[in-house]
Structure formats: C-alpha cells, structure tokens
Amino acid sequence: MVERFDFGPVHIEPDLILRLQKYRRLEAVPPTVREVARRMAAMAETLVEPQGWTWRGAVSRVAPEGAVVLGDRMQFQSRVLARALAEAAEAAIVVLTIGPHLERRAHELVGEENFVEGLLLDTAGWAAVDALVKQSRARLAEDAKAQGFRLTGRLAPGFADWGLEQQQVLFSAFNGTAIAVNLTDAQVMLPRKSVSGLYGFVPRRAPQPA
C-alpha cells in the first residue's frame, strides 16, 4: 500500500548550513559568511516543496546470504539489508524530495557568479532533505510503536554492499503511483535533492517473566 506523507514546516538553521560546510568553530565564521548563511536559510524555506511517499508490506523472505524479498515481487541482494531485516515482519520503503526549485535557484546564483550564495543555498537544500528524513522516520517510528513494532535504521541502495543498481527495484514499489521523483539510467534521483530508504518493522518481544 502506498501513502503520502504530510510534512510540517521545514525550518533550516543557518548554523547547520555552516556545520555542513565543515566550519568547526562557528564563533570564528566571518560575519559576512554568517549573514549569507542566514539569508540562504530563509530563502531555502521559501523554495522547498516537501513531498514524500511510503510503501509498506510484508518481509516475505530473508536469507543469510543476502537475498531479501518484500511483498510478492521485490527482490534485493544485500547481506547488510538481510541482517537488518532478519527479524522484521514488515518493511517500509520511502521516497522523499524537496522538489526542484531550490536547486534551480542555487544554479542560477552560481551562474550569476554569486558563488558563496549558491553554495550555501545548495547546502541548505541538503539540510532540508535531512529534516524530511527525520520527520518521516519519527512518523514511522510512532506507527511502529503503536502496532507493537520497533523501527530499524534506514538503509538504501548504495549503502555498504547494497548495490545502487537496485534503486530501480526499490522504486518499483511505487509502480502505478504518480510520484514526483524519477530515476535516470544511472539510478540517480531527479530532483537531485531527493532521498530513498527502507526501514524494517521488528516485533517487540514480550517481557520475560521473572
């Protein structure tokens, strides 16, 4: 079953943009750069168009050598994924995006030779994507807890031994559903400020009697 996420407002902290740019001591950041980060954070909040979709279904098979089957048709190969889903009864696949507008504006700024603005706006886009990941995970964790499960960490094609080429299999969960994220032949998501992931729903064990 495929459902859409409803996201709340996405707030972007200027300090997070600077940390993502490897500024270790924020007090040492030049005031002019701080001001650009503040402006780009504010601009980013007007440009993000958060959207997300989730598929949830049964974990049908997990083999020690890494074969994983979800539902009745999605087949993956990854030992890391198999370990994560070894005790899972169900799985959720998510695709999240902030849309194309922020990245388009960042490219325009670079084309106008406003390089610092373009770089920090692009970084703000990844901060926004991270905010969507946190919001969606919190929603899934809440659902999992209410249904007697615990949620695993997020994995996605391209992590560890899970081949990026299996992104196409992961996206097949949304066949027949119009989602605003597409894959290139190289398995790159468009818009680029998008992310995919898979979580397991593991049954909580009942407390053992004393």
C-alpha atoms as a PDB file:
ATOM      1  CA  MET A   1       0.000   0.000   0.000  1.00  0.00           C
ATOM      2  CA  VAL A   2       1.318   3.435  -0.958  1.00  0.00           C
ATOM      3  CA  GLU A   3       0.568   6.528   1.093  1.00  0.00           C
ATOM      4  CA  ARG A   4       1.751  10.127   1.014  1.00  0.00           C
ATOM      5  CA  PHE A   5       3.491  11.882   3.864  1.00  0.00           C
ATOM      6  CA  ASP A   6       2.103  15.197   5.046  1.00  0.00           C
ATOM      7  CA  PHE A   7       5.023  17.313   6.181  1.00  0.00           C
ATOM      8  CA  GLY A   8       5.003  20.189   8.611  1.00  0.00           C
ATOM      9  CA  PRO A   9       7.011  23.367   8.017  1.00  0.00           C
ATOM     10  CA  VAL A  10      10.691  22.783   7.262  1.00  0.00           C
ATOM     11  CA  HIS A  11      12.916  25.029   9.364  1.00  0.00           C
ATOM     12  CA  ILE A  12      16.577  25.386   8.411  1.00  0.00           C
ATOM     13  CA  GLU A  13      19.133  26.641  10.920  1.00  0.00           C
ATOM     14  CA  PRO A  14      21.914  28.832   9.452  1.00  0.00           C
ATOM     15  CA  ASP A  15      24.369  27.219  11.886  1.00  0.00           C
ATOM     16  CA  LEU A  16      23.565  23.790  10.425  1.00  0.00           C
ATOM     17  CA  ILE A  17      24.442  25.055   6.952  1.00  0.00           C
ATOM     18  CA  LEU A  18      27.807  26.226   8.271  1.00  0.00           C
ATOM     19  CA  ARG A  19      28.456  22.933  10.068  1.00  0.00           C
ATOM     20  CA  LEU A  20      27.700  21.017   6.881  1.00  0.00           C
ATOM     21  CA  GLN A  21      30.323  23.218   5.229  1.00  0.00           C
ATOM     22  CA  LYS A  22      32.844  21.972   7.841  1.00  0.00           C
ATOM     23  CA  TYR A  23      33.089  25.127   9.905  1.00  0.00           C
ATOM     24  CA  ARG A  24      34.220  23.615  13.210  1.00  0.00           C
ATOM     25  CA  ARG A  25      34.235  26.790  15.270  1.00  0.00           C
ATOM     26  CA  LEU A  26      31.134  28.786  14.473  1.00  0.00           C
ATOM     27  CA  GLU A  27      32.347  31.744  16.527  1.00  0.00           C
ATOM     28  CA  ALA A  28      35.230  32.073  14.039  1.00  0.00           C
ATOM     29  CA  VAL A  29      32.971  32.281  10.958  1.00  0.00           C
ATOM     30  CA  PRO A  30      33.313  35.728   9.323  1.00  0.00           C
ATOM     31  CA  PRO A  31      30.200  37.895   9.884  1.00  0.00           C
ATOM     32  CA  THR A  32      29.680  38.267   6.143  1.00  0.00           C
ATOM     33  CA  VAL A  33      29.508  34.470   5.718  1.00  0.00           C
ATOM     34  CA  ARG A  34      27.154  34.183   8.693  1.00  0.00           C
ATOM     35  CA  GLU A  35      24.851  36.733   7.085  1.00  0.00           C
ATOM     36  CA  VAL A  36      24.863  34.863   3.770  1.00  0.00           C
ATOM     37  CA  ALA A  37      24.027  31.631   5.612  1.00  0.00           C
ATOM     38  CA  ARG A  38      21.136  33.382   7.365  1.00  0.00           C
ATOM     39  CA  ARG A  39      19.765  34.735   4.082  1.00  0.00           C
ATOM     40  CA  MET A  40      20.145  31.419   2.270  1.00  0.00           C
ATOM     41  CA  ALA A  41      18.419  29.545   5.101  1.00  0.00           C
ATOM     42  CA  ALA A  42      15.484  31.949   4.867  1.00  0.00           C
ATOM     43  CA  MET A  43      15.407  31.662   1.077  1.00  0.00           C
ATOM     44  CA  ALA A  44      15.546  27.877   1.234  1.00  0.00           C
ATOM     45  CA  GLU A  45      12.473  27.760   3.453  1.00  0.00           C
ATOM     46  CA  THR A  46      10.506  29.564   0.728  1.00  0.00           C
ATOM     47  CA  LEU A  47      11.783  27.266  -2.047  1.00  0.00           C
ATOM     48  CA  VAL A  48      11.352  23.786  -0.575  1.00  0.00           C
ATOM     49  CA  GLU A  49       8.300  21.837  -1.673  1.00  0.00           C
ATOM     50  CA  PRO A  50       8.411  18.824   0.650  1.00  0.00           C
ATOM     51  CA  GLN A  51       6.804  15.674  -0.675  1.00  0.00           C
ATOM     52  CA  GLY A  52       7.101  12.044   0.325  1.00  0.00           C
ATOM     53  CA  TRP A  53       5.624   8.619  -0.328  1.00  0.00           C
ATOM     54  CA  THR A  54       5.798   5.353   1.560  1.00  0.00           C
ATOM     55  CA  TRP A  55       5.083   1.744   0.639  1.00  0.00           C
ATOM     56  CA  ARG A  56       4.567  -0.780   3.405  1.00  0.00           C
ATOM     57  CA  GLY A  57       4.353  -4.542   3.012  1.00  0.00           C
ATOM     58  CA  ALA A  58       5.450  -7.925   4.242  1.00  0.00           C
ATOM     59  CA  VAL A  59       9.029  -9.143   4.505  1.00  0.00           C
ATOM     60  CA  SER A  60       8.448 -12.416   2.659  1.00  0.00           C
ATOM     61  CA  ARG A  61      11.938 -13.902   2.735  1.00  0.00           C
ATOM     62  CA  VAL A  62      15.341 -13.157   4.234  1.00  0.00           C
ATOM     63  CA  ALA A  63      18.264 -15.497   3.555  1.00  0.00           C
ATOM     64  CA  PRO A  64      21.657 -15.371   5.320  1.00  0.00           C
ATOM     65  CA  GLU A  65      23.489 -14.995   2.009  1.00  0.00           C
ATOM     66  CA  GLY A  66      21.646 -11.699   1.459  1.00  0.00           C
ATOM     67  CA  ALA A  67      18.546 -12.497  -0.589  1.00  0.00           C
ATOM     68  CA  VAL A  68      15.582 -10.388   0.551  1.00  0.00           C
ATOM     69  CA  VAL A  69      12.053 -10.489  -0.853  1.00  0.00           C
ATOM     70  CA  LEU A  70       9.424  -7.881   0.012  1.00  0.00           C
ATOM     71  CA  GLY A  71       5.778  -8.456  -0.816  1.00  0.00           C
ATOM     72  CA  ASP A  72       5.489 -10.945  -3.653  1.00  0.00           C
ATOM     73  CA  ARG A  73       7.813  -9.363  -6.209  1.00  0.00           C
ATOM     74  CA  MET A  74      10.593  -7.075  -4.939  1.00  0.00           C
ATOM     75  CA  GLN A  75      13.869  -8.965  -4.710  1.00  0.00           C
ATOM     76  CA  PHE A  76      17.051  -7.433  -3.295  1.00  0.00           C
ATOM     77  CA  GLN A  77      20.544  -8.741  -2.651  1.00  0.00           C
ATOM     78  CA  SER A  78      22.473  -7.349   0.306  1.00  0.00           C
ATOM     79  CA  ARG A  79      23.908  -9.001   3.403  1.00  0.00           C
ATOM     80  CA  VAL A  80      23.615  -5.724   5.311  1.00  0.00           C
ATOM     81  CA  LEU A  81      19.938  -5.436   4.383  1.00  0.00           C
ATOM     82  CA  ALA A  82      19.343  -9.096   5.245  1.00  0.00           C
ATOM     83  CA  ARG A  83      20.861  -8.603   8.703  1.00  0.00           C
ATOM     84  CA  ALA A  84      18.728  -5.510   9.308  1.00  0.00           C
ATOM     85  CA  LEU A  85      15.526  -7.324   8.290  1.00  0.00           C
ATOM     86  CA  ALA A  86      16.346 -10.729   9.810  1.00  0.00           C
ATOM     87  CA  GLU A  87      13.602 -10.395  12.444  1.00  0.00           C
ATOM     88  CA  ALA A  88      11.345  -7.929  10.624  1.00  0.00           C
ATOM     89  CA  ALA A  89       7.743  -8.825   9.828  1.00  0.00           C
ATOM     90  CA  GLU A  90       7.163  -5.825   7.556  1.00  0.00           C
ATOM     91  CA  ALA A  91       9.136  -3.142   5.771  1.00  0.00           C
ATOM     92  CA  ALA A  92       8.510   0.428   4.678  1.00  0.00           C
ATOM     93  CA  ILE A  93      10.060   2.000   1.589  1.00  0.00           C
ATOM     94  CA  VAL A  94      10.183   5.781   1.451  1.00  0.00           C
ATOM     95  CA  VAL A  95      10.996   8.336  -1.247  1.00  0.00           C
ATOM     96  CA  LEU A  96      11.310  11.966  -0.167  1.00  0.00           C
ATOM     97  CA  THR A  97      12.077  15.173  -2.061  1.00  0.00           C
ATOM     98  CA  ILE A  98      12.171  18.934  -1.560  1.00  0.00           C
ATOM     99  CA  GLY A  99      11.392  19.487  -5.252  1.00  0.00           C
ATOM    100  CA  PRO A 100      13.458  21.208  -7.971  1.00  0.00           C
ATOM    101  CA  HIS A 101      13.070  24.906  -7.120  1.00  0.00           C
ATOM    102  CA  LEU A 102      15.870  25.294  -4.577  1.00  0.00           C
ATOM    103  CA  GLU A 103      18.460  23.547  -6.718  1.00  0.00           C
ATOM    104  CA  ARG A 104      17.416  25.575  -9.756  1.00  0.00           C
ATOM    105  CA  ARG A 105      17.880  28.826  -7.833  1.00  0.00           C
ATOM    106  CA  ALA A 106      21.263  27.675  -6.488  1.00  0.00           C
ATOM    107  CA  HIS A 107      22.427  27.022 -10.055  1.00  0.00           C
ATOM    108  CA  GLU A 108      21.191  30.458 -11.094  1.00  0.00           C
ATOM    109  CA  LEU A 109      23.168  32.086  -8.286  1.00  0.00           C
ATOM    110  CA  VAL A 110      26.347  30.296  -9.374  1.00  0.00           C
ATOM    111  CA  GLY A 111      25.672  31.357 -12.973  1.00  0.00           C
ATOM    112  CA  GLU A 112      25.425  34.937 -11.737  1.00  0.00           C
ATOM    113  CA  GLU A 113      28.835  34.434 -10.048  1.00  0.00           C
ATOM    114  CA  ASN A 114      27.300  34.613  -6.582  1.00  0.00           C
ATOM    115  CA  PHE A 115      29.317  31.545  -5.638  1.00  0.00           C
ATOM    116  CA  VAL A 116      29.034  31.700  -1.840  1.00  0.00           C
ATOM    117  CA  GLU A 117      25.272  32.229  -2.021  1.00  0.00           C
ATOM    118  CA  GLY A 118      24.870  29.380  -4.500  1.00  0.00           C
ATOM    119  CA  LEU A 119      26.995  27.001  -2.422  1.00  0.00           C
ATOM    120  CA  LEU A 120      25.235  27.785   0.861  1.00  0.00           C
ATOM    121  CA  LEU A 121      21.776  27.603  -0.709  1.00  0.00           C
ATOM    122  CA  ASP A 122      22.622  24.196  -2.152  1.00  0.00           C
ATOM    123  CA  THR A 123      23.832  23.112   1.287  1.00  0.00           C
ATOM    124  CA  ALA A 124      20.596  24.403   2.808  1.00  0.00           C
ATOM    125  CA  GLY A 125      18.804  22.051   0.417  1.00  0.00           C
ATOM    126  CA  TRP A 126      20.551  19.038   1.925  1.00  0.00           C
ATOM    127  CA  ALA A 127      19.697  20.319   5.396  1.00  0.00           C
ATOM    128  CA  ALA A 128      16.063  20.414   4.278  1.00  0.00           C
ATOM    129  CA  VAL A 129      16.274  16.850   2.959  1.00  0.00           C
ATOM    130  CA  ASP A 130      17.659  15.753   6.319  1.00  0.00           C
ATOM    131  CA  ALA A 131      14.702  17.441   8.028  1.00  0.00           C
ATOM    132  CA  LEU A 132      12.309  15.419   5.853  1.00  0.00           C
ATOM    133  CA  VAL A 133      14.131  12.193   6.731  1.00  0.00           C
ATOM    134  CA  LYS A 134      13.790  12.983  10.441  1.00  0.00           C
ATOM    135  CA  GLN A 135      10.102  13.899  10.148  1.00  0.00           C
ATOM    136  CA  SER A 136       9.239  10.770   8.151  1.00  0.00           C
ATOM    137  CA  ARG A 137      11.234   8.485  10.438  1.00  0.00           C
ATOM    138  CA  ALA A 138       9.525   9.934  13.501  1.00  0.00           C
ATOM    139  CA  ARG A 139       6.139   9.255  11.891  1.00  0.00           C
ATOM    140  CA  LEU A 140       7.059   5.673  11.031  1.00  0.00           C
ATOM    141  CA  ALA A 141       8.545   5.057  14.489  1.00  0.00           C
ATOM    142  CA  GLU A 142       5.338   6.316  16.090  1.00  0.00           C
ATOM    143  CA  ASP A 143       3.250   3.985  13.909  1.00  0.00           C
ATOM    144  CA  ALA A 144       5.594   1.092  14.650  1.00  0.00           C
ATOM    145  CA  LYS A 145       5.373   1.607  18.401  1.00  0.00           C
ATOM    146  CA  ALA A 146       1.566   1.817  18.308  1.00  0.00           C
ATOM    147  CA  GLN A 147       1.428  -1.505  16.442  1.00  0.00           C
ATOM    148  CA  GLY A 148       3.883  -3.361  18.684  1.00  0.00           C
ATOM    149  CA  PHE A 149       6.971  -2.982  16.494  1.00  0.00           C
ATOM    150  CA  ARG A 150      10.294  -1.216  16.727  1.00  0.00           C
ATOM    151  CA  LEU A 151      11.716   0.525  13.689  1.00  0.00           C
ATOM    152  CA  THR A 152      15.148  -0.330  12.299  1.00  0.00           C
ATOM    153  CA  GLY A 153      17.596   2.235  10.978  1.00  0.00           C
ATOM    154  CA  ARG A 154      17.324   3.444   7.383  1.00  0.00           C
ATOM    155  CA  LEU A 155      19.147   1.685   4.566  1.00  0.00           C
ATOM    156  CA  ALA A 156      19.090   2.471   0.856  1.00  0.00           C
ATOM    157  CA  PRO A 157      20.696   1.232  -2.363  1.00  0.00           C
ATOM    158  CA  GLY A 158      24.276   2.489  -2.442  1.00  0.00           C
ATOM    159  CA  PHE A 159      24.821   1.842   1.300  1.00  0.00           C
ATOM    160  CA  ALA A 160      27.503  -0.734   2.151  1.00  0.00           C
ATOM    161  CA  ASP A 161      27.023  -3.822  -0.060  1.00  0.00           C
ATOM    162  CA  TRP A 162      23.558  -2.857  -1.305  1.00  0.00           C
ATOM    163  CA  GLY A 163      24.176  -2.050  -4.958  1.00  0.00           C
ATOM    164  CA  LEU A 164      22.932   1.267  -6.323  1.00  0.00           C
ATOM    165  CA  GLU A 165      21.550  -0.542  -9.362  1.00  0.00           C
ATOM    166  CA  GLN A 166      18.807  -1.930  -7.105  1.00  0.00           C
ATOM    167  CA  GLN A 167      17.350   1.542  -6.725  1.00  0.00           C
ATOM    168  CA  GLN A 168      15.151   0.660  -9.687  1.00  0.00           C
ATOM    169  CA  VAL A 169      13.758  -2.361  -7.829  1.00  0.00           C
ATOM    170  CA  LEU A 170      13.078  -0.200  -4.776  1.00  0.00           C
ATOM    171  CA  PHE A 171      11.225   2.329  -6.944  1.00  0.00           C
ATOM    172  CA  SER A 172       9.066  -0.462  -8.385  1.00  0.00           C
ATOM    173  CA  ALA A 173       7.154  -0.319  -5.081  1.00  0.00           C
ATOM    174  CA  PHE A 174       5.534   2.826  -6.498  1.00  0.00           C
ATOM    175  CA  ASN A 175       4.558   1.438  -9.919  1.00  0.00           C
ATOM    176  CA  GLY A 176       1.126   2.763 -10.762  1.00  0.00           C
ATOM    177  CA  THR A 177       1.523   5.709  -8.385  1.00  0.00           C
ATOM    178  CA  ALA A 178       2.418   9.171  -9.663  1.00  0.00           C
ATOM    179  CA  ILE A 179       5.371  10.332  -7.585  1.00  0.00           C
ATOM    180  CA  ALA A 180       7.407  13.468  -8.279  1.00  0.00           C
ATOM    181  CA  VAL A 181      10.799  11.706  -8.299  1.00  0.00           C
ATOM    182  CA  ASN A 182      12.277   9.920 -11.305  1.00  0.00           C
ATOM    183  CA  LEU A 183      15.363   7.783 -11.854  1.00  0.00           C
ATOM    184  CA  THR A 184      17.955   8.302 -14.564  1.00  0.00           C
ATOM    185  CA  ASP A 185      19.578   5.349 -16.325  1.00  0.00           C
ATOM    186  CA  ALA A 186      22.424   5.740 -13.816  1.00  0.00           C
ATOM    187  CA  GLN A 187      19.925   5.335 -10.929  1.00  0.00           C
ATOM    188  CA  VAL A 188      20.278   8.991  -9.905  1.00  0.00           C
ATOM    189  CA  MET A 189      17.142  10.545  -8.455  1.00  0.00           C
ATOM    190  CA  LEU A 190      15.668  13.674 -10.030  1.00  0.00           C
ATOM    191  CA  PRO A 191      15.115  16.175  -8.463  1.00  0.00           C
ATOM    192  CA  ARG A 192      18.578  15.634  -7.006  1.00  0.00           C
ATOM    193  CA  LYS A 193      17.536  16.861  -3.572  1.00  0.00           C
ATOM    194  CA  SER A 194      15.708  13.579  -3.014  1.00  0.00           C
ATOM    195  CA  VAL A 195      16.372  10.525  -0.899  1.00  0.00           C
ATOM    196  CA  SER A 196      15.110   6.961  -0.697  1.00  0.00           C
ATOM    197  CA  GLY A 197      15.200   4.464   2.130  1.00  0.00           C
ATOM    198  CA  LEU A 198      13.951   1.234   3.617  1.00  0.00           C
ATOM    199  CA  TYR A 199      13.032   0.517   7.249  1.00  0.00           C
ATOM    200  CA  GLY A 200      12.109  -2.735   8.932  1.00  0.00           C
ATOM    201  CA  PHE A 201       9.274  -3.247  11.435  1.00  0.00           C
ATOM    202  CA  VAL A 202      10.531  -5.711  14.030  1.00  0.00           C
ATOM    203  CA  PRO A 203       8.040  -7.217  16.537  1.00  0.00           C
ATOM    204  CA  ARG A 204       8.774  -6.187  20.117  1.00  0.00           C
ATOM    205  CA  ARG A 205       9.454  -9.098  22.404  1.00  0.00           C
ATOM    206  CA  ALA A 206       7.153  -9.527  25.373  1.00  0.00           C
ATOM    207  CA  PRO A 207       8.916  -9.111  28.747  1.00  0.00           C
ATOM    208  CA  GLN A 208      10.117 -12.408  30.147  1.00  0.00           C
ATOM    209  CA  PRO A 209       8.536 -13.449  33.492  1.00  0.00           C
ATOM    210  CA  ALA A 210      10.808 -13.037  36.496  1.00  0.00           C
END
